[in-house]
Amino acid sequence: MFYETHKLREEFPDAIEKLQALMIDDEDFLKLAARYTEVNREIIRIEHEEDHASDFYLDNLKRQRLVLKDRVAVKLRN
């Protein structure tokens, strides 16, 4: 089965340079991106059946990822 990876550079392909700059210049953004990556990796492990979790837990992680992605989008617009 195919699953999207949802990496930030894939989610925001038109903002790769700004993503890189924020990761260098903005410590809060770096922490935000790290948390997004951590949650995203956990989702991928569960979807690929490398880890096991309930549907409720997986759905909660996906909601967290969406909130984090929205926060990244706000930072990219500023």
PDB file of N, CA and C in Angstrom:
ATOM      1  N   MET A   1       0.837  -1.174   0.000  1.00  0.00           N
ATOM      2  CA  MET A   1       0.000   0.000   0.000  1.00  0.00           C
ATOM      3  C   MET A   1       0.887   1.243   0.000  1.00  0.00           C
ATOM      4  N   PHE A   2       0.469   2.262  -0.724  1.00  0.00           N
ATOM      5  CA  PHE A   2       1.225   3.505  -0.841  1.00  0.00           C
ATOM      6  C   PHE A   2       0.731   4.520   0.177  1.00  0.00           C
ATOM      7  N   TYR A   3       1.669   5.115   0.891  1.00  0.00           N
ATOM      8  CA  TYR A   3       1.344   6.182   1.838  1.00  0.00           C
ATOM      9  C   TYR A   3       2.207   7.392   1.507  1.00  0.00           C
ATOM     10  N   GLU A   4       1.606   8.575   1.605  1.00  0.00           N
ATOM     11  CA  GLU A   4       2.380   9.799   1.420  1.00  0.00           C
ATOM     12  C   GLU A   4       3.265  10.005   2.636  1.00  0.00           C
ATOM     13  N   THR A   5       4.420  10.626   2.420  1.00  0.00           N
ATOM     14  CA  THR A   5       5.345  10.821   3.533  1.00  0.00           C
ATOM     15  C   THR A   5       5.119  12.125   4.281  1.00  0.00           C
ATOM     16  N   HIS A   6       4.502  13.105   3.671  1.00  0.00           N
ATOM     17  CA  HIS A   6       4.149  14.377   4.317  1.00  0.00           C
ATOM     18  C   HIS A   6       5.346  15.131   4.900  1.00  0.00           C
ATOM     19  N   LYS A   7       6.505  14.996   4.298  1.00  0.00           N
ATOM     20  CA  LYS A   7       7.658  15.779   4.758  1.00  0.00           C
ATOM     21  C   LYS A   7       7.388  17.251   4.473  1.00  0.00           C
ATOM     22  N   LEU A   8       7.951  18.118   5.298  1.00  0.00           N
ATOM     23  CA  LEU A   8       7.679  19.552   5.145  1.00  0.00           C
ATOM     24  C   LEU A   8       8.050  20.060   3.761  1.00  0.00           C
ATOM     25  N   ARG A   9       9.156  19.607   3.210  1.00  0.00           N
ATOM     26  CA  ARG A   9       9.555  20.094   1.886  1.00  0.00           C
ATOM     27  C   ARG A   9       8.591  19.610   0.800  1.00  0.00           C
ATOM     28  N   GLU A  10       7.878  18.510   1.063  1.00  0.00           N
ATOM     29  CA  GLU A  10       6.855  18.043   0.127  1.00  0.00           C
ATOM     30  C   GLU A  10       5.542  18.800   0.329  1.00  0.00           C
ATOM     31  N   GLU A  11       5.264  19.151   1.562  1.00  0.00           N
ATOM     32  CA  GLU A  11       4.037  19.879   1.879  1.00  0.00           C
ATOM     33  C   GLU A  11       4.111  21.335   1.416  1.00  0.00           C
ATOM     34  N   PHE A  12       5.320  21.890   1.410  1.00  0.00           N
ATOM     35  CA  PHE A  12       5.521  23.298   1.030  1.00  0.00           C
ATOM     36  C   PHE A  12       6.627  23.402  -0.029  1.00  0.00           C
ATOM     37  N   PRO A  13       6.405  22.829  -1.214  1.00  0.00           N
ATOM     38  CA  PRO A  13       7.471  22.802  -2.224  1.00  0.00           C
ATOM     39  C   PRO A  13       7.886  24.186  -2.726  1.00  0.00           C
ATOM     40  N   ASP A  14       6.997  25.157  -2.635  1.00  0.00           N
ATOM     41  CA  ASP A  14       7.322  26.511  -3.093  1.00  0.00           C
ATOM     42  C   ASP A  14       8.049  27.334  -2.042  1.00  0.00           C
ATOM     43  N   ALA A  15       8.248  26.751  -0.863  1.00  0.00           N
ATOM     44  CA  ALA A  15       8.857  27.501   0.240  1.00  0.00           C
ATOM     45  C   ALA A  15      10.092  26.807   0.807  1.00  0.00           C
ATOM     46  N   ILE A  16      10.745  26.004   0.008  1.00  0.00           N
ATOM     47  CA  ILE A  16      11.892  25.243   0.505  1.00  0.00           C
ATOM     48  C   ILE A  16      12.994  26.166   1.016  1.00  0.00           C
ATOM     49  N   GLU A  17      13.297  27.225   0.285  1.00  0.00           N
ATOM     50  CA  GLU A  17      14.353  28.147   0.727  1.00  0.00           C
ATOM     51  C   GLU A  17      13.978  28.817   2.046  1.00  0.00           C
ATOM     52  N   LYS A  18      12.719  29.210   2.170  1.00  0.00           N
ATOM     53  CA  LYS A  18      12.282  29.849   3.413  1.00  0.00           C
ATOM     54  C   LYS A  18      12.298  28.843   4.563  1.00  0.00           C
ATOM     55  N   LEU A  19      11.902  27.606   4.300  1.00  0.00           N
ATOM     56  CA  LEU A  19      11.982  26.553   5.321  1.00  0.00           C
ATOM     57  C   LEU A  19      13.411  26.430   5.838  1.00  0.00           C
ATOM     58  N   GLN A  20      14.349  26.344   4.915  1.00  0.00           N
ATOM     59  CA  GLN A  20      15.758  26.197   5.299  1.00  0.00           C
ATOM     60  C   GLN A  20      16.243  27.405   6.090  1.00  0.00           C
ATOM     61  N   ALA A  21      15.874  28.596   5.653  1.00  0.00           N
ATOM     62  CA  ALA A  21      16.305  29.810   6.349  1.00  0.00           C
ATOM     63  C   ALA A  21      15.726  29.872   7.758  1.00  0.00           C
ATOM     64  N   LEU A  22      14.447  29.538   7.900  1.00  0.00           N
ATOM     65  CA  LEU A  22      13.826  29.557   9.220  1.00  0.00           C
ATOM     66  C   LEU A  22      14.464  28.529  10.152  1.00  0.00           C
ATOM     67  N   MET A  23      14.835  27.387   9.615  1.00  0.00           N
ATOM     68  CA  MET A  23      15.469  26.362  10.449  1.00  0.00           C
ATOM     69  C   MET A  23      16.835  26.814  10.954  1.00  0.00           C
ATOM     70  N   ILE A  24      17.468  27.691  10.211  1.00  0.00           N
ATOM     71  CA  ILE A  24      18.774  28.215  10.625  1.00  0.00           C
ATOM     72  C   ILE A  24      18.608  29.397  11.573  1.00  0.00           C
ATOM     73  N   ASP A  25      17.671  30.283  11.260  1.00  0.00           N
ATOM     74  CA  ASP A  25      17.570  31.565  11.960  1.00  0.00           C
ATOM     75  C   ASP A  25      16.562  31.619  13.102  1.00  0.00           C
ATOM     76  N   ASP A  26      15.627  30.685  13.160  1.00  0.00           N
ATOM     77  CA  ASP A  26      14.525  30.771  14.129  1.00  0.00           C
ATOM     78  C   ASP A  26      14.478  29.498  14.974  1.00  0.00           C
ATOM     79  N   GLU A  27      14.946  29.602  16.208  1.00  0.00           N
ATOM     80  CA  GLU A  27      15.003  28.432  17.093  1.00  0.00           C
ATOM     81  C   GLU A  27      13.610  27.856  17.364  1.00  0.00           C
ATOM     82  N   ASP A  28      12.610  28.720  17.506  1.00  0.00           N
ATOM     83  CA  ASP A  28      11.244  28.242  17.726  1.00  0.00           C
ATOM     84  C   ASP A  28      10.736  27.465  16.517  1.00  0.00           C
ATOM     85  N   PHE A  29      11.049  27.961  15.325  1.00  0.00           N
ATOM     86  CA  PHE A  29      10.640  27.248  14.119  1.00  0.00           C
ATOM     87  C   PHE A  29      11.357  25.906  14.026  1.00  0.00           C
ATOM     88  N   LEU A  30      12.614  25.878  14.379  1.00  0.00           N
ATOM     89  CA  LEU A  30      13.373  24.625  14.360  1.00  0.00           C
ATOM     90  C   LEU A  30      12.719  23.593  15.277  1.00  0.00           C
ATOM     91  N   LYS A  31      12.301  24.014  16.463  1.00  0.00           N
ATOM     92  CA  LYS A  31      11.613  23.105  17.394  1.00  0.00           C
ATOM     93  C   LYS A  31      10.273  22.654  16.823  1.00  0.00           C
ATOM     94  N   LEU A  32       9.552  23.572  16.202  1.00  0.00           N
ATOM     95  CA  LEU A  32       8.271  23.249  15.579  1.00  0.00           C
ATOM     96  C   LEU A  32       8.464  22.223  14.464  1.00  0.00           C
ATOM     97  N   ALA A  33       9.447  22.446  13.617  1.00  0.00           N
ATOM     98  CA  ALA A  33       9.727  21.518  12.517  1.00  0.00           C
ATOM     99  C   ALA A  33      10.170  20.159  13.050  1.00  0.00           C
ATOM    100  N   ALA A  34      10.950  20.156  14.113  1.00  0.00           N
ATOM    101  CA  ALA A  34      11.403  18.896  14.715  1.00  0.00           C
ATOM    102  C   ALA A  34      10.219  18.118  15.280  1.00  0.00           C
ATOM    103  N   ARG A  35       9.300  18.817  15.925  1.00  0.00           N
ATOM    104  CA  ARG A  35       8.110  18.152  16.478  1.00  0.00           C
ATOM    105  C   ARG A  35       7.247  17.608  15.348  1.00  0.00           C
ATOM    106  N   TYR A  36       7.078  18.385  14.278  1.00  0.00           N
ATOM    107  CA  TYR A  36       6.320  17.918  13.115  1.00  0.00           C
ATOM    108  C   TYR A  36       6.950  16.635  12.568  1.00  0.00           C
ATOM    109  N   THR A  37       8.263  16.648  12.411  1.00  0.00           N
ATOM    110  CA  THR A  37       8.975  15.491  11.873  1.00  0.00           C
ATOM    111  C   THR A  37       8.817  14.280  12.783  1.00  0.00           C
ATOM    112  N   GLU A  38       8.896  14.501  14.079  1.00  0.00           N
ATOM    113  CA  GLU A  38       8.745  13.411  15.050  1.00  0.00           C
ATOM    114  C   GLU A  38       7.353  12.773  14.949  1.00  0.00           C
ATOM    115  N   VAL A  39       6.323  13.599  14.927  1.00  0.00           N
ATOM    116  CA  VAL A  39       4.952  13.091  14.818  1.00  0.00           C
ATOM    117  C   VAL A  39       4.762  12.403  13.473  1.00  0.00           C
ATOM    118  N   ASN A  40       5.254  13.004  12.413  1.00  0.00           N
ATOM    119  CA  ASN A  40       5.117  12.434  11.079  1.00  0.00           C
ATOM    120  C   ASN A  40       5.797  11.071  10.981  1.00  0.00           C
ATOM    121  N   ARG A  41       6.989  10.946  11.539  1.00  0.00           N
ATOM    122  CA  ARG A  41       7.698   9.656  11.502  1.00  0.00           C
ATOM    123  C   ARG A  41       6.936   8.577  12.259  1.00  0.00           C
ATOM    124  N   GLU A  42       6.338   8.953  13.379  1.00  0.00           N
ATOM    125  CA  GLU A  42       5.559   7.975  14.139  1.00  0.00           C
ATOM    126  C   GLU A  42       4.356   7.506  13.324  1.00  0.00           C
ATOM    127  N   ILE A  43       3.702   8.418  12.640  1.00  0.00           N
ATOM    128  CA  ILE A  43       2.574   8.054  11.781  1.00  0.00           C
ATOM    129  C   ILE A  43       3.034   7.090  10.695  1.00  0.00           C
ATOM    130  N   ILE A  44       4.143   7.394  10.065  1.00  0.00           N
ATOM    131  CA  ILE A  44       4.660   6.544   8.988  1.00  0.00           C
ATOM    132  C   ILE A  44       4.972   5.146   9.512  1.00  0.00           C
ATOM    133  N   ARG A  45       5.607   5.061  10.682  1.00  0.00           N
ATOM    134  CA  ARG A  45       5.919   3.740  11.258  1.00  0.00           C
ATOM    135  C   ARG A  45       4.647   2.940  11.514  1.00  0.00           C
ATOM    136  N   ILE A  46       3.617   3.593  11.995  1.00  0.00           N
ATOM    137  CA  ILE A  46       2.353   2.902  12.262  1.00  0.00           C
ATOM    138  C   ILE A  46       1.696   2.477  10.952  1.00  0.00           C
ATOM    139  N   GLU A  47       1.651   3.376   9.979  1.00  0.00           N
ATOM    140  CA  GLU A  47       1.019   3.047   8.698  1.00  0.00           C
ATOM    141  C   GLU A  47       1.750   1.928   7.970  1.00  0.00           C
ATOM    142  N   HIS A  48       3.039   1.851   8.141  1.00  0.00           N
ATOM    143  CA  HIS A  48       3.826   0.786   7.504  1.00  0.00           C
ATOM    144  C   HIS A  48       3.910  -0.456   8.374  1.00  0.00           C
ATOM    145  N   GLU A  49       3.151  -0.444   9.459  1.00  0.00           N
ATOM    146  CA  GLU A  49       3.047  -1.569  10.385  1.00  0.00           C
ATOM    147  C   GLU A  49       4.371  -1.936  11.031  1.00  0.00           C
ATOM    148  N   GLU A  50       5.259  -0.954  11.168  1.00  0.00           N
ATOM    149  CA  GLU A  50       6.499  -1.160  11.914  1.00  0.00           C
ATOM    150  C   GLU A  50       6.231  -1.014  13.408  1.00  0.00           C
ATOM    151  N   ASP A  51       5.230  -0.202  13.748  1.00  0.00           N
ATOM    152  CA  ASP A  51       4.752  -0.033  15.120  1.00  0.00           C
ATOM    153  C   ASP A  51       3.254  -0.298  15.107  1.00  0.00           C
ATOM    154  N   HIS A  52       2.734  -0.645  16.268  1.00  0.00           N
ATOM    155  CA  HIS A  52       1.302  -0.919  16.372  1.00  0.00           C
ATOM    156  C   HIS A  52       0.647   0.153  17.229  1.00  0.00           C
ATOM    157  N   ALA A  53      -0.565   0.521  16.840  1.00  0.00           N
ATOM    158  CA  ALA A  53      -1.312   1.524  17.596  1.00  0.00           C
ATOM    159  C   ALA A  53      -2.790   1.400  17.242  1.00  0.00           C
ATOM    160  N   SER A  54      -3.611   1.891  18.131  1.00  0.00           N
ATOM    161  CA  SER A  54      -5.051   1.888  17.871  1.00  0.00           C
ATOM    162  C   SER A  54      -5.388   2.944  16.818  1.00  0.00           C
ATOM    163  N   ASP A  55      -6.539   2.782  16.206  1.00  0.00           N
ATOM    164  CA  ASP A  55      -7.005   3.775  15.239  1.00  0.00           C
ATOM    165  C   ASP A  55      -7.174   5.135  15.906  1.00  0.00           C
ATOM    166  N   PHE A  56      -7.644   5.126  17.145  1.00  0.00           N
ATOM    167  CA  PHE A  56      -7.824   6.370  17.895  1.00  0.00           C
ATOM    168  C   PHE A  56      -6.494   7.100  18.046  1.00  0.00           C
ATOM    169  N   TYR A  57      -5.454   6.363  18.418  1.00  0.00           N
ATOM    170  CA  TYR A  57      -4.128   6.961  18.608  1.00  0.00           C
ATOM    171  C   TYR A  57      -3.596   7.510  17.285  1.00  0.00           C
ATOM    172  N   LEU A  58      -3.732   6.735  16.215  1.00  0.00           N
ATOM    173  CA  LEU A  58      -3.261   7.177  14.901  1.00  0.00           C
ATOM    174  C   LEU A  58      -4.016   8.425  14.444  1.00  0.00           C
ATOM    175  N   ASP A  59      -5.321   8.439  14.633  1.00  0.00           N
ATOM    176  CA  ASP A  59      -6.102   9.624  14.262  1.00  0.00           C
ATOM    177  C   ASP A  59      -5.669  10.843  15.065  1.00  0.00           C
ATOM    178  N   ASN A  60      -5.369  10.645  16.339  1.00  0.00           N
ATOM    179  CA  ASN A  60      -4.893  11.742  17.181  1.00  0.00           C
ATOM    180  C   ASN A  60      -3.557  12.277  16.668  1.00  0.00           C
ATOM    181  N   LEU A  61      -2.663  11.389  16.285  1.00  0.00           N
ATOM    182  CA  LEU A  61      -1.378  11.815  15.722  1.00  0.00           C
ATOM    183  C   LEU A  61      -1.582  12.616  14.441  1.00  0.00           C
ATOM    184  N   LYS A  62      -2.495  12.168  13.606  1.00  0.00           N
ATOM    185  CA  LYS A  62      -2.756  12.878  12.354  1.00  0.00           C
ATOM    186  C   LYS A  62      -3.319  14.275  12.616  1.00  0.00           C
ATOM    187  N   ARG A  63      -4.150  14.395  13.634  1.00  0.00           N
ATOM    188  CA  ARG A  63      -4.657  15.722  14.005  1.00  0.00           C
ATOM    189  C   ARG A  63      -3.518  16.609  14.500  1.00  0.00           C
ATOM    190  N   GLN A  64      -2.625  16.024  15.302  1.00  0.00           N
ATOM    191  CA  GLN A  64      -1.463  16.782  15.782  1.00  0.00           C
ATOM    192  C   GLN A  64      -0.622  17.268  14.610  1.00  0.00           C
ATOM    193  N   ARG A  65      -0.398  16.374  13.649  1.00  0.00           N
ATOM    194  CA  ARG A  65       0.405  16.740  12.476  1.00  0.00           C
ATOM    195  C   ARG A  65      -0.247  17.894  11.718  1.00  0.00           C
ATOM    196  N   LEU A  66      -1.554  17.861  11.595  1.00  0.00           N
ATOM    197  CA  LEU A  66      -2.266  18.925  10.890  1.00  0.00           C
ATOM    198  C   LEU A  66      -2.135  20.262  11.619  1.00  0.00           C
ATOM    199  N   VAL A  67      -2.250  20.240  12.935  1.00  0.00           N
ATOM    200  CA  VAL A  67      -2.082  21.466  13.726  1.00  0.00           C
ATOM    201  C   VAL A  67      -0.665  22.003  13.559  1.00  0.00           C
ATOM    202  N   LEU A  68       0.313  21.113  13.622  1.00  0.00           N
ATOM    203  CA  LEU A  68       1.710  21.532  13.456  1.00  0.00           C
ATOM    204  C   LEU A  68       1.946  22.086  12.053  1.00  0.00           C
ATOM    205  N   LYS A  69       1.361  21.439  11.057  1.00  0.00           N
ATOM    206  CA  LYS A  69       1.502  21.920   9.676  1.00  0.00           C
ATOM    207  C   LYS A  69       0.895  23.311   9.529  1.00  0.00           C
ATOM    208  N   ASP A  70      -0.247  23.533  10.159  1.00  0.00           N
ATOM    209  CA  ASP A  70      -0.869  24.860  10.123  1.00  0.00           C
ATOM    210  C   ASP A  70       0.038  25.905  10.768  1.00  0.00           C
ATOM    211  N   ARG A  71       0.683  25.551  11.865  1.00  0.00           N
ATOM    212  CA  ARG A  71       1.596  26.482  12.533  1.00  0.00           C
ATOM    213  C   ARG A  71       2.807  26.783  11.652  1.00  0.00           C
ATOM    214  N   VAL A  72       3.296  25.772  10.940  1.00  0.00           N
ATOM    215  CA  VAL A  72       4.405  25.981  10.003  1.00  0.00           C
ATOM    216  C   VAL A  72       3.953  26.932   8.896  1.00  0.00           C
ATOM    217  N   ALA A  73       2.761  26.713   8.366  1.00  0.00           N
ATOM    218  CA  ALA A  73       2.245  27.566   7.288  1.00  0.00           C
ATOM    219  C   ALA A  73       2.156  29.024   7.730  1.00  0.00           C
ATOM    220  N   VAL A  74       1.728  29.249   8.960  1.00  0.00           N
ATOM    221  CA  VAL A  74       1.651  30.620   9.480  1.00  0.00           C
ATOM    222  C   VAL A  74       3.041  31.246   9.514  1.00  0.00           C
ATOM    223  N   LYS A  75       4.021  30.496  10.001  1.00  0.00           N
ATOM    224  CA  LYS A  75       5.401  31.014  10.064  1.00  0.00           C
ATOM    225  C   LYS A  75       5.928  31.322   8.662  1.00  0.00           C
ATOM    226  N   LEU A  76       5.586  30.484   7.696  1.00  0.00           N
ATOM    227  CA  LEU A  76       6.060  30.699   6.328  1.00  0.00           C
ATOM    228  C   LEU A  76       5.426  31.937   5.697  1.00  0.00           C
ATOM    229  N   ARG A  77       4.211  32.261   6.085  1.00  0.00           N
ATOM    230  CA  ARG A  77       3.533  33.445   5.537  1.00  0.00           C
ATOM    231  C   ARG A  77       4.082  34.735   6.123  1.00  0.00           C
ATOM    232  N   ASN A  78       4.626  34.676   7.328  1.00  0.00           N
ATOM    233  CA  ASN A  78       5.129  35.892   7.994  1.00  0.00           C
ATOM    234  C   ASN A  78       6.494  36.295   7.503  1.00  0.00           C
TER     235      ASN A  78
END
